[in-house]
Amino acid sequence: MPEPLPKRRRGGRVAPGGLVRALAAAVTCVALAAGTGCSGTAGEPPAAPAPAKAAEPARLAALHRLPPVTGLLFTPHLRGAEAQRKLAIACMARRGFEYAPVLPPENLGGADERPQPFGLESTAPPRTADPTSAAEVPPEPGSPESTDAYARALFGDEAERVTAMGTRLSVSRPGNGCLAEAETRLLGDGRMRWLQVRILLFEAQEQAREDVEKDPAFRTATAHWRECMNRAKVKAEDPVKLQLSLRPETARRTSPVAAADLRCKAETGYLTTAYHRLAAVQQRWLDERPDIGRDWKKLSARQDEAADEALGS
């Protein structure tokens, strides 16, 4: 699976970051800017709230799998990543360099890694940080990994970078060098289309979350949740803005307001309705763009075949 620019880490080891994380960072101030504010306010919390009725993990995982665009975007391609790693290591070795990228975690793309776009879903602590997202550490001075020759061998020439365009976003990739060589080995002339499809899917996921706000059934579910919260003496416009208003992070798991939020979601079936309506909006987007699903399946099969060949199976 083609990955964005890897991160340098201590000792020159490079950890490829997931495309989803790179795109998320790219749109922090673009696609998501309108959603960062919080207009919900918490009134006097209930004196002794009943225990929060957190949804069961299995049911939540099933809901997370419903939105089809998100499902495509988070489909794991671990075998492709493993093959790309092997090819890049061999390429760098031919150029006289040792390269040791870190494999992505085995659960990358699992249901628990998918976005949770409707606020709190449980009292569970935050997910463990992805080991590939550790703080970047420059290579040690004087090491081969710190040289321009090493960077050029891995990332290619800066002037040769290529760019894949979505509707609003663009992502550039090496045009030559070992990373480009490994990606091309797996995807051939479909390399840039693969990246473009992922950008479009990411954009569609964000747009669908905005569009679902107009869905009548979703608006009704939000209204029922708000009525329940009012009875609990908590004033909030919607679950997302309520979540943003809870600071620090521990308050999201321990405060009476959070308990009321989870209880009201359970009593009104809010998350069930929300995910089903989001899935409908995303499916409509896919139905209007059949080339996205077609190209995704075609390129996925091509990558899998090339990965099997590269890995000798």
Protein backbone atom coordinates (compact mmCIF):
# COMPACT_ATOMS: atom_id res chain seq x y z
CA MET A 1 0.00 0.00 0.00
CA PRO A 2 1.54 3.34 -0.99
CA GLU A 3 2.34 5.41 2.05
CA PRO A 4 3.09 9.09 2.57
CA LEU A 5 6.53 10.41 3.31
CA PRO A 6 8.01 8.22 6.06
CA LYS A 7 9.23 9.72 9.27
CA ARG A 8 12.86 9.62 10.27
CA ARG A 9 13.46 8.14 13.68
CA ARG A 10 16.46 7.54 15.92
CA GLY A 11 19.18 5.50 14.28
CA GLY A 12 17.84 6.35 10.85
CA ARG A 13 14.95 3.92 11.08
CA VAL A 14 11.95 5.10 9.16
CA ALA A 15 8.39 4.44 10.20
CA PRO A 16 5.84 4.79 7.40
CA GLY A 17 2.79 6.73 8.55
CA GLY A 18 -0.67 5.75 7.34
CA LEU A 19 -2.23 7.74 4.53
CA VAL A 20 -5.28 8.36 6.63
CA ARG A 21 -3.21 10.09 9.34
CA ALA A 22 -1.39 12.18 6.75
CA LEU A 23 -4.61 13.28 5.10
CA ALA A 24 -6.19 14.01 8.45
CA ALA A 25 -3.30 16.31 9.28
CA ALA A 26 -3.56 17.97 5.89
CA VAL A 27 -7.17 18.96 6.38
CA THR A 28 -7.03 19.99 10.02
CA CYS A 29 -7.38 23.62 8.97
CA VAL A 30 -9.42 22.97 5.82
CA ALA A 31 -12.15 20.36 5.81
CA LEU A 32 -12.51 20.16 9.59
CA ALA A 33 -12.09 23.83 10.45
CA ALA A 34 -15.80 24.45 10.66
CA GLY A 35 -16.27 21.69 13.21
CA THR A 36 -13.72 22.69 15.80
CA GLY A 37 -15.85 25.17 17.68
CA CYS A 38 -18.12 24.25 20.55
CA SER A 39 -21.39 26.00 21.24
CA GLY A 40 -22.84 23.45 23.64
CA THR A 41 -22.76 24.42 27.30
CA ALA A 42 -23.18 22.22 30.30
CA GLY A 43 -25.68 23.41 32.86
CA GLU A 44 -26.02 22.11 36.39
CA PRO A 45 -25.15 18.41 36.18
CA PRO A 46 -27.49 15.83 37.68
CA ALA A 47 -26.91 15.43 41.40
CA ALA A 48 -26.38 11.66 41.31
CA PRO A 49 -26.39 10.37 37.75
CA ALA A 50 -27.22 6.77 37.12
CA PRO A 51 -24.35 4.69 35.76
CA ALA A 52 -23.71 5.37 32.08
CA LYS A 53 -25.07 2.70 29.77
CA ALA A 54 -22.05 2.35 27.54
CA ALA A 55 -22.61 0.41 24.35
CA GLU A 56 -21.06 -3.04 24.16
CA PRO A 57 -17.77 -3.17 22.25
CA ALA A 58 -19.08 -5.77 19.80
CA ARG A 59 -22.13 -3.68 18.95
CA LEU A 60 -20.01 -0.56 18.53
CA ALA A 61 -17.60 -2.42 16.26
CA ALA A 62 -20.55 -3.55 14.12
CA LEU A 63 -21.80 0.03 13.86
CA HIS A 64 -18.31 1.25 12.90
CA ARG A 65 -18.31 -1.19 9.98
CA LEU A 66 -21.55 0.14 8.49
CA PRO A 67 -20.37 3.25 6.57
CA PRO A 68 -19.05 1.86 3.25
CA VAL A 69 -16.71 4.73 2.35
CA THR A 70 -15.04 4.48 5.74
CA GLY A 71 -14.81 0.74 5.23
CA LEU A 72 -12.94 1.13 1.95
CA LEU A 73 -10.68 3.81 3.38
CA PHE A 74 -9.75 1.70 6.40
CA THR A 75 -9.42 -1.62 4.60
CA PRO A 76 -6.05 -2.95 5.80
CA HIS A 77 -3.48 -3.75 3.12
CA LEU A 78 -0.88 -5.19 5.43
CA ARG A 79 0.47 -7.68 2.90
CA GLY A 80 1.01 -4.87 0.44
CA ALA A 81 2.76 -2.84 3.13
CA GLU A 82 4.98 -5.82 3.96
CA ALA A 83 5.87 -6.29 0.31
CA GLN A 84 6.60 -2.61 -0.15
CA ARG A 85 8.86 -2.71 2.88
CA LYS A 86 10.78 -5.70 1.49
CA LEU A 87 11.17 -4.10 -1.93
CA ALA A 88 12.37 -0.79 -0.49
CA ILE A 89 14.92 -2.54 1.75
CA ALA A 90 16.31 -4.46 -1.23
CA CYS A 91 16.43 -1.31 -3.35
CA MET A 92 18.34 0.62 -0.69
CA ALA A 93 20.74 -2.31 -0.21
CA ARG A 94 21.55 -2.24 -3.93
CA ARG A 95 22.48 1.41 -3.48
CA GLY A 96 24.69 0.61 -0.52
CA PHE A 97 22.40 1.70 2.33
CA GLU A 98 20.78 -0.12 5.24
CA TYR A 99 17.09 0.67 5.54
CA ALA A 100 14.88 -0.69 8.33
CA PRO A 101 11.34 0.71 8.18
CA VAL A 102 8.92 -0.32 10.89
CA LEU A 103 5.96 -2.44 9.80
CA PRO A 104 2.53 -0.99 10.58
CA PRO A 105 0.70 -2.59 13.53
CA GLU A 106 -1.29 -5.70 12.70
CA ASN A 107 -4.59 -4.11 13.76
CA LEU A 108 -4.20 -1.11 11.43
CA GLY A 109 -7.55 -0.52 9.79
CA GLY A 110 -9.49 -2.53 12.35
CA ALA A 111 -12.90 -1.41 13.56
CA ASP A 112 -11.40 0.11 16.70
CA GLU A 113 -9.18 2.34 14.56
CA ARG A 114 -12.04 3.88 12.59
CA PRO A 115 -13.35 7.38 13.24
CA GLN A 116 -15.98 7.91 15.92
CA PRO A 117 -17.76 10.94 14.46
CA PHE A 118 -20.67 11.16 16.89
CA GLY A 119 -18.96 12.06 20.14
CA LEU A 120 -18.41 9.80 23.10
CA GLU A 121 -19.23 6.12 22.69
CA SER A 122 -17.90 4.61 25.90
CA THR A 123 -15.97 5.39 29.05
CA ALA A 124 -12.93 3.50 27.77
CA PRO A 125 -9.61 5.39 27.96
CA PRO A 126 -8.12 6.79 24.76
CA ARG A 127 -6.64 4.28 22.35
CA THR A 128 -2.99 3.43 22.73
CA ALA A 129 -0.91 5.63 20.49
CA ASP A 130 0.16 4.07 17.21
CA PRO A 131 3.86 3.23 17.54
CA THR A 132 4.49 4.65 14.05
CA SER A 133 3.29 8.06 15.20
CA ALA A 134 6.07 8.56 17.74
CA ALA A 135 7.79 11.92 17.85
CA GLU A 136 10.28 12.36 15.06
CA VAL A 137 13.93 12.21 16.05
CA PRO A 138 16.61 13.35 13.60
CA PRO A 139 19.22 10.78 12.57
CA GLU A 140 22.45 10.84 14.49
CA PRO A 141 25.00 13.26 13.01
CA GLY A 142 27.50 11.51 10.79
CA SER A 143 25.34 8.42 10.25
CA PRO A 144 24.63 7.30 6.67
CA GLU A 145 20.97 8.09 7.22
CA SER A 146 21.80 11.75 7.81
CA THR A 147 23.38 12.26 4.39
CA ASP A 148 21.83 13.79 1.30
CA ALA A 149 22.81 10.68 -0.63
CA TYR A 150 20.70 8.48 1.66
CA ALA A 151 17.70 10.80 1.41
CA ARG A 152 18.01 10.99 -2.37
CA ALA A 153 18.25 7.21 -2.66
CA LEU A 154 15.12 6.73 -0.56
CA PHE A 155 12.96 9.71 -1.47
CA GLY A 156 14.31 10.54 -4.91
CA ASP A 157 14.86 13.98 -6.37
CA GLU A 158 12.72 16.77 -4.97
CA ALA A 159 12.15 18.19 -8.45
CA GLU A 160 10.73 14.85 -9.60
CA ARG A 161 7.93 14.56 -7.05
CA VAL A 162 4.47 13.76 -8.41
CA THR A 163 1.10 14.89 -7.08
CA ALA A 164 -2.27 13.16 -6.80
CA MET A 165 -5.30 15.44 -6.75
CA GLY A 166 -8.63 15.01 -5.03
CA THR A 167 -11.48 17.50 -5.13
CA ARG A 168 -10.01 19.78 -2.47
CA LEU A 169 -6.81 18.10 -1.33
CA SER A 170 -3.59 17.06 -2.99
CA VAL A 171 -0.78 14.77 -1.83
CA SER A 172 2.70 14.62 -3.33
CA ARG A 173 4.83 11.50 -3.51
CA PRO A 174 8.38 10.71 -4.59
CA GLY A 175 8.70 10.48 -8.34
CA ASN A 176 11.83 8.34 -8.18
CA GLY A 177 13.99 6.72 -5.53
CA CYS A 178 13.41 3.49 -3.67
CA LEU A 179 10.01 4.36 -2.22
CA ALA A 180 8.66 5.23 -5.66
CA GLU A 181 10.26 2.11 -7.10
CA ALA A 182 8.60 -0.13 -4.49
CA GLU A 183 5.19 1.49 -4.95
CA THR A 184 5.41 1.19 -8.73
CA ARG A 185 6.37 -2.48 -8.42
CA LEU A 186 3.09 -3.08 -6.58
CA LEU A 187 0.74 -0.84 -8.54
CA GLY A 188 2.41 -0.12 -11.87
CA ASP A 189 0.80 2.71 -13.78
CA GLY A 190 -2.09 2.65 -11.29
CA ARG A 191 0.05 4.06 -8.50
CA MET A 192 -1.24 7.63 -8.69
CA ARG A 193 -4.83 6.53 -9.24
CA TRP A 194 -4.62 4.46 -6.06
CA LEU A 195 -3.52 7.47 -4.08
CA GLN A 196 -6.13 9.68 -5.75
CA VAL A 197 -8.92 7.24 -4.85
CA ARG A 198 -7.81 7.27 -1.22
CA ILE A 199 -7.84 11.08 -1.20
CA LEU A 200 -11.34 11.11 -2.71
CA LEU A 201 -12.56 8.57 -0.16
CA PHE A 202 -11.15 10.66 2.66
CA GLU A 203 -12.86 13.77 1.33
CA ALA A 204 -16.11 11.84 0.91
CA GLN A 205 -15.96 10.59 4.48
CA GLU A 206 -15.64 14.14 5.80
CA GLN A 207 -18.33 15.48 3.47
CA ALA A 208 -20.74 12.69 4.40
CA ARG A 209 -20.41 13.60 8.07
CA GLU A 210 -21.46 17.14 7.20
CA ASP A 211 -24.28 15.99 4.92
CA VAL A 212 -25.79 13.61 7.47
CA GLU A 213 -26.68 16.66 9.56
CA LYS A 214 -29.37 17.37 6.96
CA ASP A 215 -30.85 13.87 7.15
CA PRO A 216 -34.35 13.97 8.74
CA ALA A 217 -33.93 10.74 10.69
CA PHE A 218 -30.58 11.86 12.05
CA ARG A 219 -31.96 15.26 13.03
CA THR A 220 -34.81 13.54 14.85
CA ALA A 221 -32.35 11.31 16.72
CA THR A 222 -30.35 14.37 17.76
CA ALA A 223 -33.52 16.09 18.96
CA HIS A 224 -34.44 13.07 21.08
CA TRP A 225 -30.92 12.99 22.54
CA ARG A 226 -31.14 16.71 23.33
CA GLU A 227 -34.50 16.25 25.09
CA CYS A 228 -33.00 13.47 27.19
CA MET A 229 -30.05 15.68 28.10
CA ASN A 230 -32.40 18.51 29.06
CA ARG A 231 -34.14 16.17 31.48
CA ALA A 232 -30.70 15.45 32.94
CA LYS A 233 -30.24 19.23 33.34
CA VAL A 234 -27.45 19.39 30.77
CA LYS A 235 -27.74 21.94 27.98
CA ALA A 236 -25.98 20.80 24.80
CA GLU A 237 -26.62 21.26 21.11
CA ASP A 238 -25.26 17.91 19.95
CA PRO A 239 -22.94 15.12 21.15
CA VAL A 240 -19.87 16.30 19.23
CA LYS A 241 -19.95 19.81 20.65
CA LEU A 242 -20.60 18.37 24.08
CA GLN A 243 -17.50 16.16 23.77
CA LEU A 244 -15.39 19.14 22.73
CA SER A 245 -16.58 21.07 25.77
CA LEU A 246 -15.32 18.40 28.19
CA ARG A 247 -11.80 19.25 29.33
CA PRO A 248 -9.49 17.68 30.32
CA GLU A 249 -9.60 14.28 28.62
CA THR A 250 -10.36 12.50 31.91
CA ALA A 251 -13.60 14.49 32.17
CA ARG A 252 -14.84 12.69 29.09
CA ARG A 253 -14.81 9.45 31.04
CA THR A 254 -15.59 10.50 34.60
CA SER A 255 -17.85 13.56 34.61
CA PRO A 256 -21.61 13.43 35.28
CA VAL A 257 -22.11 15.19 31.95
CA ALA A 258 -20.35 12.40 30.09
CA ALA A 259 -22.40 9.84 32.00
CA ALA A 260 -25.59 11.62 30.98
CA ASP A 261 -24.44 11.74 27.35
CA LEU A 262 -23.79 8.00 27.17
CA ARG A 263 -27.01 7.19 28.99
CA CYS A 264 -29.07 9.34 26.64
CA LYS A 265 -27.41 7.81 23.59
CA ALA A 266 -28.32 4.36 24.86
CA GLU A 267 -31.90 5.27 25.79
CA THR A 268 -32.62 6.99 22.47
CA GLY A 269 -30.68 4.61 20.20
CA TYR A 270 -28.76 7.62 18.96
CA LEU A 271 -25.62 5.86 17.77
CA THR A 272 -27.56 3.17 15.93
CA THR A 273 -29.53 5.76 14.00
CA ALA A 274 -26.48 7.96 13.41
CA TYR A 275 -24.32 5.22 11.92
CA HIS A 276 -27.12 3.82 9.76
CA ARG A 277 -27.89 7.25 8.34
CA LEU A 278 -24.19 7.99 7.77
CA ALA A 279 -23.91 4.66 5.95
CA ALA A 280 -26.83 5.63 3.71
CA VAL A 281 -25.23 8.99 2.84
CA GLN A 282 -21.88 7.36 2.07
CA GLN A 283 -23.51 4.63 -0.05
CA ARG A 284 -25.31 7.28 -2.08
CA TRP A 285 -21.95 8.95 -2.76
CA LEU A 286 -20.49 5.64 -3.96
CA ASP A 287 -23.52 4.86 -6.13
CA GLU A 288 -23.07 8.20 -7.88
CA ARG A 289 -19.39 7.41 -8.57
CA PRO A 290 -19.18 3.76 -9.64
CA ASP A 291 -15.64 4.26 -10.95
CA ILE A 292 -14.38 4.69 -7.38
CA GLY A 293 -15.42 1.23 -6.26
CA ARG A 294 -14.43 -0.33 -9.57
CA ASP A 295 -10.95 1.17 -9.57
CA TRP A 296 -10.47 0.38 -5.89
CA LYS A 297 -11.22 -3.31 -6.42
CA LYS A 298 -9.08 -3.49 -9.55
CA LEU A 299 -6.07 -1.83 -7.95
CA SER A 300 -6.48 -3.80 -4.72
CA ALA A 301 -6.37 -7.07 -6.66
CA ARG A 302 -3.36 -5.84 -8.62
CA GLN A 303 -1.55 -4.92 -5.43
CA ASP A 304 -2.35 -8.24 -3.77
CA GLU A 305 -1.05 -10.19 -6.77
CA ALA A 306 2.17 -8.17 -6.89
CA ALA A 307 2.60 -8.49 -3.13
CA ASP A 308 2.28 -12.28 -3.30
CA GLU A 309 4.91 -12.36 -6.03
CA ALA A 310 7.26 -10.07 -4.08
CA LEU A 311 6.85 -12.10 -0.90
CA GLY A 312 7.30 -15.41 -2.71
CA SER A 313 3.87 -16.91 -2.03
